[in-house]
Amino acid sequence: MIKLRDMKKNDEELLVQYLNNEQVVQYLSLKIPKPYTSEDAKWWVEIGSKESAIVKAIEFEGVFCGVIGVYNQQLEYSHSAEVGYWIAQKYWNKGIAAKALIEFTSFIFSSTPIIRLFAPVFSANKSSMRVLEKAGYSLEGVLIKAICKHGQYFDEHLFAKVRP
């Protein structure tokens, strides 16, 4: 059973554990501090998850196991938002991310003026691409060597879904 809910203080300990796993963060933004500390988790729960974003914790069978959110754009792009998500490694391959993305996308389209969600994905992150496809997102294009992380270049696959 999947549940989306607001972040809570008691998520902080698991945030630190999950985001210090290199497998979990390998395709996430460099904005995530390394190492990820208790202070980072406290800031995220209290402030970061609320700044220019709509963020939800993902629970599976009552346990916090990941995060999903949209990051608002500005000016002429204000109708659009970047969607991002991650799942703790021990919860991979259970369909959690796809179910969470489907539910979250529906929530965003029904409760905000956002009409377009997009997700940039590292070329090597085939699992995330499958999640997006299962959730009805379409590949709009590939930006060659658009991402550089730790000195390695990746193509960026841009997926999007537009409100019906």
Protein backbone atom coordinates (compact mmCIF):
# COMPACT_ATOMS: atom_id res chain seq x y z
CA MET A 1 0.00 0.00 0.00
CA ILE A 2 1.35 3.40 -1.07
CA LYS A 3 0.62 6.61 0.81
CA LEU A 4 1.76 10.15 0.03
CA ARG A 5 1.97 12.50 3.00
CA ASP A 6 3.78 15.57 4.26
CA MET A 7 7.33 15.19 5.54
CA LYS A 8 7.61 14.68 9.33
CA LYS A 9 10.36 15.20 11.85
CA ASN A 10 10.56 11.46 12.47
CA ASP A 11 11.55 10.98 8.78
CA GLU A 12 14.91 12.65 9.45
CA GLU A 13 16.79 9.56 10.65
CA LEU A 14 15.76 7.49 7.63
CA LEU A 15 16.52 10.42 5.28
CA VAL A 16 20.10 10.38 6.55
CA GLN A 17 20.34 6.61 6.15
CA TYR A 18 18.78 6.54 2.66
CA LEU A 19 20.62 9.55 1.23
CA ASN A 20 24.01 8.27 2.33
CA ASN A 21 23.53 5.25 0.06
CA GLU A 22 25.53 5.89 -3.13
CA GLN A 23 23.15 3.71 -5.16
CA VAL A 24 20.20 5.92 -4.19
CA VAL A 25 21.88 9.26 -4.95
CA GLN A 26 23.96 8.30 -8.01
CA TYR A 27 21.43 9.87 -10.42
CA LEU A 28 20.14 12.61 -8.13
CA SER A 29 21.13 16.27 -8.12
CA LEU A 30 24.43 17.48 -6.71
CA LYS A 31 22.28 19.72 -4.49
CA ILE A 32 22.05 16.77 -2.10
CA PRO A 33 24.95 17.17 0.35
CA LYS A 34 27.51 14.40 0.67
CA PRO A 35 27.73 13.12 3.32
CA TYR A 36 24.07 13.74 4.16
CA THR A 37 23.87 14.76 7.83
CA SER A 38 21.18 15.04 10.48
CA GLU A 39 21.35 18.81 10.07
CA ASP A 40 20.70 18.41 6.31
CA ALA A 41 17.67 16.22 7.04
CA LYS A 42 16.33 18.67 9.63
CA TRP A 43 16.69 21.57 7.16
CA TRP A 44 14.99 19.55 4.40
CA VAL A 45 11.99 18.56 6.53
CA GLU A 46 11.51 22.01 8.09
CA ILE A 47 12.47 24.35 5.21
CA GLY A 48 13.79 22.85 1.97
CA SER A 49 10.81 20.65 1.21
CA LYS A 50 8.56 23.71 1.38
CA GLU A 51 10.56 26.21 -0.73
CA SER A 52 9.14 26.68 -4.26
CA ALA A 53 8.03 23.09 -4.20
CA ILE A 54 5.27 20.65 -3.36
CA VAL A 55 6.91 17.67 -1.70
CA LYS A 56 5.47 14.49 -0.25
CA ALA A 57 6.97 11.61 1.63
CA ILE A 58 6.26 8.19 0.13
CA GLU A 59 5.20 5.47 2.53
CA PHE A 60 5.03 1.79 1.69
CA GLU A 61 3.15 -0.42 4.15
CA GLY A 62 3.39 2.37 6.74
CA VAL A 63 7.15 2.95 6.41
CA PHE A 64 8.75 6.09 4.98
CA CYS A 65 10.67 4.93 1.91
CA GLY A 66 11.15 7.88 -0.43
CA VAL A 67 10.29 11.38 -1.57
CA ILE A 68 8.43 12.84 -4.54
CA GLY A 69 8.03 16.48 -5.41
CA VAL A 70 7.50 19.16 -8.01
CA TYR A 71 9.66 22.22 -8.28
CA ASN A 72 7.82 25.26 -9.59
CA GLN A 73 9.14 27.22 -12.54
CA GLN A 74 8.79 30.97 -12.96
CA LEU A 75 7.47 33.62 -15.34
CA GLU A 76 6.46 32.21 -18.74
CA TYR A 77 7.21 28.69 -17.42
CA SER A 78 5.02 29.01 -14.32
CA HIS A 79 2.45 26.58 -15.80
CA SER A 80 5.14 23.89 -15.75
CA ALA A 81 6.99 22.07 -12.97
CA GLU A 82 9.88 19.62 -12.71
CA VAL A 83 8.95 16.38 -11.00
CA GLY A 84 11.51 14.33 -9.12
CA TYR A 85 11.45 11.28 -6.89
CA TRP A 86 13.66 8.71 -5.23
CA ILE A 87 13.06 5.44 -3.39
CA ALA A 88 15.27 3.81 -0.75
CA GLN A 89 17.21 0.89 -2.24
CA LYS A 90 15.58 -1.80 -0.11
CA TYR A 91 12.22 -0.80 -1.66
CA TRP A 92 13.33 -0.94 -5.31
CA ASN A 93 11.56 -3.18 -7.85
CA LYS A 94 8.23 -3.21 -6.00
CA GLY A 95 6.39 -0.75 -8.26
CA ILE A 96 6.38 1.90 -5.53
CA ALA A 97 7.84 4.73 -7.60
CA ALA A 98 5.42 4.25 -10.51
CA LYS A 99 2.39 4.08 -8.21
CA ALA A 100 3.57 7.14 -6.29
CA LEU A 101 4.20 9.07 -9.52
CA ILE A 102 0.76 8.21 -10.91
CA GLU A 103 -0.95 9.31 -7.69
CA PHE A 104 1.20 12.44 -7.32
CA THR A 105 0.71 13.49 -10.96
CA SER A 106 -3.05 13.19 -10.54
CA PHE A 107 -2.88 15.24 -7.33
CA ILE A 108 -0.82 18.01 -8.99
CA PHE A 109 -3.06 18.22 -12.06
CA SER A 110 -6.25 18.29 -9.96
CA SER A 111 -5.13 20.71 -7.23
CA THR A 112 -2.78 23.23 -8.88
CA PRO A 113 -2.74 25.37 -12.04
CA ILE A 114 0.22 23.34 -13.32
CA ILE A 115 -0.55 21.82 -16.73
CA ARG A 116 2.84 20.30 -17.62
CA LEU A 117 5.14 18.11 -15.56
CA PHE A 118 8.59 17.23 -16.83
CA ALA A 119 11.38 15.00 -15.60
CA PRO A 120 15.01 15.15 -16.73
CA VAL A 121 16.63 11.71 -16.42
CA PHE A 122 20.28 10.61 -16.63
CA SER A 123 20.79 8.39 -19.68
CA ALA A 124 22.07 5.56 -17.47
CA ASN A 125 18.98 5.62 -15.23
CA LYS A 126 16.88 3.08 -17.15
CA SER A 127 14.76 2.26 -14.08
CA SER A 128 13.55 5.84 -13.75
CA MET A 129 12.71 5.95 -17.45
CA ARG A 130 10.54 2.83 -17.01
CA VAL A 131 8.81 4.46 -14.02
CA LEU A 132 7.96 7.53 -16.10
CA GLU A 133 6.67 5.43 -18.98
CA LYS A 134 4.46 3.37 -16.62
CA ALA A 135 3.06 6.64 -15.26
CA GLY A 136 2.12 7.83 -18.76
CA TYR A 137 4.98 10.27 -19.34
CA SER A 138 6.43 10.53 -22.84
CA LEU A 139 9.99 11.02 -23.99
CA GLU A 140 10.19 14.48 -25.56
CA GLY A 141 13.84 14.46 -26.44
CA VAL A 142 17.42 13.70 -25.57
CA LEU A 143 19.88 16.46 -24.71
CA ILE A 144 23.39 15.27 -25.52
CA LYS A 145 25.93 15.52 -22.68
CA ALA A 146 23.62 17.90 -20.82
CA ILE A 147 24.54 16.53 -17.38
CA CYS A 148 27.99 16.46 -15.81
CA LYS A 149 28.30 14.74 -12.45
CA HIS A 150 31.64 13.94 -10.83
CA GLY A 151 33.44 14.59 -14.12
CA GLN A 152 31.30 12.15 -16.08
CA TYR A 153 28.96 13.35 -18.85
CA PHE A 154 25.48 11.94 -19.39
CA ASP A 155 22.81 12.54 -21.96
CA GLU A 156 19.59 13.85 -20.43
CA HIS A 157 16.33 12.17 -21.42
CA LEU A 158 13.47 14.61 -21.01
CA PHE A 159 10.10 13.09 -20.18
CA ALA A 160 6.87 15.03 -19.75
CA LYS A 161 3.16 14.69 -19.20
CA VAL A 162 0.57 17.34 -19.97
CA ARG A 163 -2.71 17.65 -18.08
CA PRO A 164 -5.54 16.24 -20.24
